[in-house]
Amino acid sequence: MARRKRKTSFFMAGTYFDYPALFLVLFLVMFGLIMVYSSSSYMARIMTDDAAYYFKRQGIIALLGVFAMVMMSFVRYQKIRRFTMLIAGASFMLLMLVHFIGNESNGSTRWLSIGGFTFQPSEVAKLAIIIYMAHACTTQSRALNSMVETFVLFIPPILLIIPIAIENLSSAIICGVIMVGIWFVATPKVRYIVIIGIIGAIGVVIFVLKAGYRSDRIDAWFHPETSENGYQ
């Protein structure tokens, strides 16, 4: 008689909190809110007559984020695996939509407004890359022993990073570091890491040289006294 496969709930009855990581996240959130108030209070008072306007808005978003984090800690992460490609595909579609109906600000199109809610699809892509890499490194661990098979395995996250790099190079670099970091934890092959690092560095140089304003920022950073952009 065949043994019945036991069904598991989508939610866990109990959960373990990594308290050092939790407190670190909360500290970074609070520090970020302080920086938001410090950098925006003057302009907020001029524009809205409320020095804490942007601080309050960011605070609400931070509270929603903390609530979502706590709720997700009760979800069985194994159950998320089945939605890996769906999340990656949805993230890619959002990144594509940015280039057609995205909101332009300061000459860059990075934001998307849906139902009155404005967000950066690159943030969704970061989550998608984490989920995909964790899933791929777990189910395709043997492929990580081959450079060619590893590259094929990395095609989906690379397809997410490329459209991000067009408008937001810093977020693309963060996504790349996330991808390589998870890969390194799964299989610490230094030789592969060096090769990917060189390829990534070449890609960054190409994107910097392609957009003049990026090279201008680097020049202002190295020579603040000779550049009008280096007043900060």
Protein backbone atom coordinates (compact mmCIF):
# COMPACT_ATOMS: atom_id res chain seq x y z
CA MET A 1 0.00 0.00 0.00
CA ALA A 2 1.49 3.31 -1.08
CA ARG A 3 2.28 5.71 1.69
CA ARG A 4 0.32 8.93 1.55
CA LYS A 5 2.35 12.05 1.11
CA ARG A 6 1.87 14.25 4.12
CA LYS A 7 0.67 17.74 3.34
CA THR A 8 2.38 20.59 5.13
CA SER A 9 0.84 23.93 5.94
CA PHE A 10 1.96 27.06 4.12
CA PHE A 11 2.56 28.67 7.52
CA MET A 12 4.75 27.43 10.35
CA ALA A 13 3.25 26.91 13.80
CA GLY A 14 6.36 28.32 15.43
CA THR A 15 9.40 30.09 14.16
CA TYR A 16 12.93 30.97 15.18
CA PHE A 17 14.11 34.55 15.00
CA ASP A 18 17.71 35.41 14.27
CA TYR A 19 17.68 38.20 16.83
CA PRO A 20 21.09 39.72 15.94
CA ALA A 21 19.98 39.99 12.29
CA LEU A 22 16.57 41.33 13.36
CA PHE A 23 18.07 44.05 15.55
CA LEU A 24 20.58 44.93 12.82
CA VAL A 25 17.74 45.43 10.32
CA LEU A 26 15.75 47.55 12.79
CA PHE A 27 18.85 49.63 13.56
CA LEU A 28 19.50 50.26 9.85
CA VAL A 29 15.84 51.22 9.33
CA MET A 30 15.91 53.69 12.22
CA PHE A 31 19.26 55.11 11.11
CA GLY A 32 17.86 55.53 7.60
CA LEU A 33 14.82 57.39 8.95
CA ILE A 34 17.09 59.74 10.88
CA MET A 35 19.08 60.42 7.72
CA VAL A 36 15.86 61.05 5.77
CA TYR A 37 14.76 63.65 8.32
CA SER A 38 18.20 65.23 8.46
CA SER A 39 18.48 65.59 4.69
CA SER A 40 14.87 66.52 3.87
CA SER A 41 13.55 68.60 6.78
CA TYR A 42 14.59 71.95 5.29
CA MET A 43 13.05 71.36 1.86
CA ALA A 44 10.00 69.69 3.42
CA ARG A 45 9.31 72.78 5.53
CA ILE A 46 9.61 75.04 2.48
CA MET A 47 7.45 72.86 0.21
CA THR A 48 4.86 71.47 2.65
CA ASP A 49 5.25 73.58 5.83
CA ASP A 50 5.97 70.31 7.67
CA ALA A 51 9.62 69.52 8.35
CA ALA A 52 8.78 65.87 9.07
CA TYR A 53 6.67 65.33 5.92
CA TYR A 54 9.08 62.97 4.16
CA PHE A 55 10.13 61.43 7.47
CA LYS A 56 6.51 60.50 8.21
CA ARG A 57 5.94 59.04 4.74
CA GLN A 58 9.11 56.98 4.94
CA GLY A 59 8.22 55.94 8.49
CA ILE A 60 4.87 54.54 7.36
CA ILE A 61 6.58 52.55 4.62
CA ALA A 62 9.17 51.31 7.14
CA LEU A 63 6.42 50.12 9.50
CA LEU A 64 4.70 48.28 6.65
CA GLY A 65 8.04 46.70 5.76
CA VAL A 66 8.64 45.53 9.34
CA PHE A 67 5.11 44.11 9.48
CA ALA A 68 5.66 42.25 6.19
CA MET A 69 9.01 40.94 7.47
CA VAL A 70 7.43 39.54 10.63
CA MET A 71 4.57 37.95 8.68
CA MET A 72 6.95 36.37 6.16
CA SER A 73 8.97 34.85 9.00
CA PHE A 74 6.00 32.54 9.66
CA VAL A 75 5.83 31.36 6.04
CA ARG A 76 7.51 28.08 5.13
CA TYR A 77 10.20 29.22 2.73
CA GLN A 78 10.12 25.79 1.05
CA LYS A 79 6.62 26.61 -0.21
CA ILE A 80 7.86 29.75 -1.96
CA ARG A 81 10.03 27.58 -4.23
CA ARG A 82 7.10 26.69 -6.49
CA PHE A 83 6.61 30.38 -7.32
CA THR A 84 10.27 31.04 -8.21
CA MET A 85 9.90 31.43 -11.97
CA LEU A 86 6.58 33.25 -11.59
CA ILE A 87 8.20 35.85 -9.32
CA ALA A 88 11.20 36.18 -11.65
CA GLY A 89 8.92 36.54 -14.69
CA ALA A 90 6.72 39.14 -12.99
CA SER A 91 9.81 41.07 -11.94
CA PHE A 92 11.12 41.07 -15.52
CA MET A 93 7.77 42.36 -16.82
CA LEU A 94 7.80 45.20 -14.28
CA LEU A 95 11.33 46.15 -15.33
CA MET A 96 10.21 46.23 -18.97
CA LEU A 97 7.18 48.38 -18.11
CA VAL A 98 9.48 51.00 -16.56
CA HIS A 99 10.97 51.74 -19.99
CA PHE A 100 7.49 52.33 -21.49
CA ILE A 101 5.29 53.84 -18.77
CA GLY A 102 7.79 54.59 -15.99
CA ASN A 103 7.98 57.90 -14.16
CA GLU A 104 10.92 60.08 -15.18
CA SER A 105 12.77 62.04 -12.51
CA ASN A 106 16.00 64.02 -12.93
CA GLY A 107 16.55 62.53 -16.36
CA SER A 108 16.24 58.93 -15.18
CA THR A 109 13.29 56.54 -15.45
CA ARG A 110 13.32 54.19 -12.47
CA TRP A 111 9.87 54.39 -10.90
CA LEU A 112 6.57 52.75 -11.73
CA SER A 113 3.12 53.85 -10.54
CA ILE A 114 0.37 51.23 -10.24
CA GLY A 115 -2.92 52.08 -8.57
CA GLY A 116 -1.50 55.21 -6.97
CA PHE A 117 1.41 53.27 -5.47
CA THR A 118 4.87 54.29 -6.71
CA PHE A 119 7.82 51.92 -6.38
CA GLN A 120 11.08 50.87 -8.00
CA PRO A 121 10.82 47.51 -9.83
CA SER A 122 14.54 47.06 -9.17
CA GLU A 123 13.64 46.43 -5.51
CA VAL A 124 11.29 43.64 -6.58
CA ALA A 125 14.09 42.27 -8.78
CA LYS A 126 16.41 42.03 -5.76
CA LEU A 127 13.88 39.80 -4.00
CA ALA A 128 13.37 37.75 -7.18
CA ILE A 129 17.12 37.21 -7.54
CA ILE A 130 17.43 36.05 -3.92
CA ILE A 131 14.58 33.55 -4.32
CA TYR A 132 15.81 32.30 -7.70
CA MET A 133 19.45 31.91 -6.62
CA ALA A 134 18.49 30.08 -3.42
CA HIS A 135 16.25 27.74 -5.44
CA ALA A 136 18.77 27.19 -8.25
CA CYS A 137 21.74 26.57 -5.95
CA THR A 138 19.68 24.04 -3.99
CA THR A 139 18.12 22.07 -6.83
CA GLN A 140 20.97 22.39 -9.36
CA SER A 141 23.97 22.07 -7.05
CA ARG A 142 25.84 19.76 -9.45
CA ALA A 143 25.70 22.38 -12.20
CA LEU A 144 27.71 24.72 -9.97
CA ASN A 145 30.79 22.54 -10.54
CA SER A 146 30.90 23.59 -14.21
CA MET A 147 31.53 27.16 -15.33
CA VAL A 148 29.41 26.72 -18.47
CA GLU A 149 26.46 25.16 -16.63
CA THR A 150 26.73 27.81 -13.94
CA PHE A 151 26.52 30.56 -16.56
CA VAL A 152 23.40 28.94 -18.06
CA LEU A 153 21.93 28.75 -14.57
CA PHE A 154 22.59 32.47 -14.10
CA ILE A 155 20.82 33.60 -17.27
CA PRO A 156 17.49 34.51 -15.53
CA PRO A 157 19.07 36.84 -12.91
CA ILE A 158 21.37 38.32 -15.56
CA LEU A 159 18.28 39.11 -17.66
CA LEU A 160 16.91 40.98 -14.64
CA ILE A 161 20.14 42.90 -14.01
CA ILE A 162 20.65 44.17 -17.59
CA PRO A 163 17.48 46.34 -17.80
CA ILE A 164 18.21 47.67 -14.31
CA ALA A 165 21.73 48.71 -15.34
CA ILE A 166 20.39 50.82 -18.19
CA GLU A 167 18.83 53.37 -15.82
CA ASN A 168 20.15 52.46 -12.37
CA LEU A 169 23.72 51.16 -12.35
CA SER A 170 24.08 51.22 -8.56
CA SER A 171 21.06 48.93 -8.08
CA ALA A 172 22.37 46.66 -10.83
CA ILE A 173 25.69 46.35 -8.99
CA ILE A 174 23.84 45.49 -5.76
CA CYS A 175 21.83 42.82 -7.60
CA GLY A 176 25.06 41.41 -9.05
CA VAL A 177 26.68 41.29 -5.60
CA ILE A 178 23.59 39.50 -4.24
CA MET A 179 23.75 36.93 -7.05
CA VAL A 180 27.48 36.25 -6.65
CA GLY A 181 27.22 36.27 -2.83
CA ILE A 182 24.59 33.52 -2.76
CA TRP A 183 26.57 31.58 -5.35
CA PHE A 184 29.73 31.87 -3.24
CA VAL A 185 27.91 30.60 -0.14
CA ALA A 186 26.59 27.62 -2.14
CA THR A 187 29.96 26.73 -3.68
CA PRO A 188 32.99 28.80 -2.67
CA LYS A 189 35.01 28.43 -5.88
CA VAL A 190 37.34 31.41 -5.82
CA ARG A 191 38.44 30.91 -9.44
CA TYR A 192 34.87 31.24 -10.70
CA ILE A 193 34.24 34.25 -8.47
CA VAL A 194 37.31 36.02 -9.90
CA ILE A 195 36.19 35.33 -13.49
CA ILE A 196 32.67 36.61 -12.82
CA GLY A 197 34.11 39.61 -10.96
CA ILE A 198 36.29 40.56 -13.94
CA ILE A 199 33.36 40.21 -16.35
CA GLY A 200 31.18 42.29 -14.04
CA ALA A 201 33.84 44.99 -13.69
CA ILE A 202 34.17 45.23 -17.47
CA GLY A 203 30.39 45.57 -17.74
CA VAL A 204 30.36 48.36 -15.15
CA VAL A 205 33.10 50.25 -17.02
CA ILE A 206 31.15 49.96 -20.28
CA PHE A 207 27.96 51.31 -18.68
CA VAL A 208 29.87 54.15 -17.00
CA LEU A 209 31.55 55.23 -20.22
CA LYS A 210 28.31 54.87 -22.18
CA ALA A 211 26.52 57.43 -19.99
CA GLY A 212 28.48 60.67 -19.70
CA TYR A 213 26.83 61.78 -16.45
CA ARG A 214 28.17 58.67 -14.69
CA SER A 215 31.76 59.40 -15.67
CA ASP A 216 31.18 63.05 -14.66
CA ARG A 217 30.15 61.91 -11.17
CA ILE A 218 33.29 59.80 -10.83
CA ASP A 219 35.41 62.73 -12.01
CA ALA A 220 33.70 65.01 -9.49
CA TRP A 221 34.40 62.46 -6.75
CA PHE A 222 38.11 62.31 -7.61
CA HIS A 223 38.46 66.06 -8.25
CA PRO A 224 35.76 67.88 -6.22
CA GLU A 225 37.68 71.16 -6.32
CA THR A 226 37.58 71.37 -10.13
CA SER A 227 34.02 70.19 -10.76
CA GLU A 228 30.79 72.11 -10.22
CA ASN A 229 29.20 68.79 -9.17
CA GLY A 230 31.65 68.35 -6.32
CA TYR A 231 30.29 71.02 -3.99
CA GLN A 232 28.97 68.41 -1.53
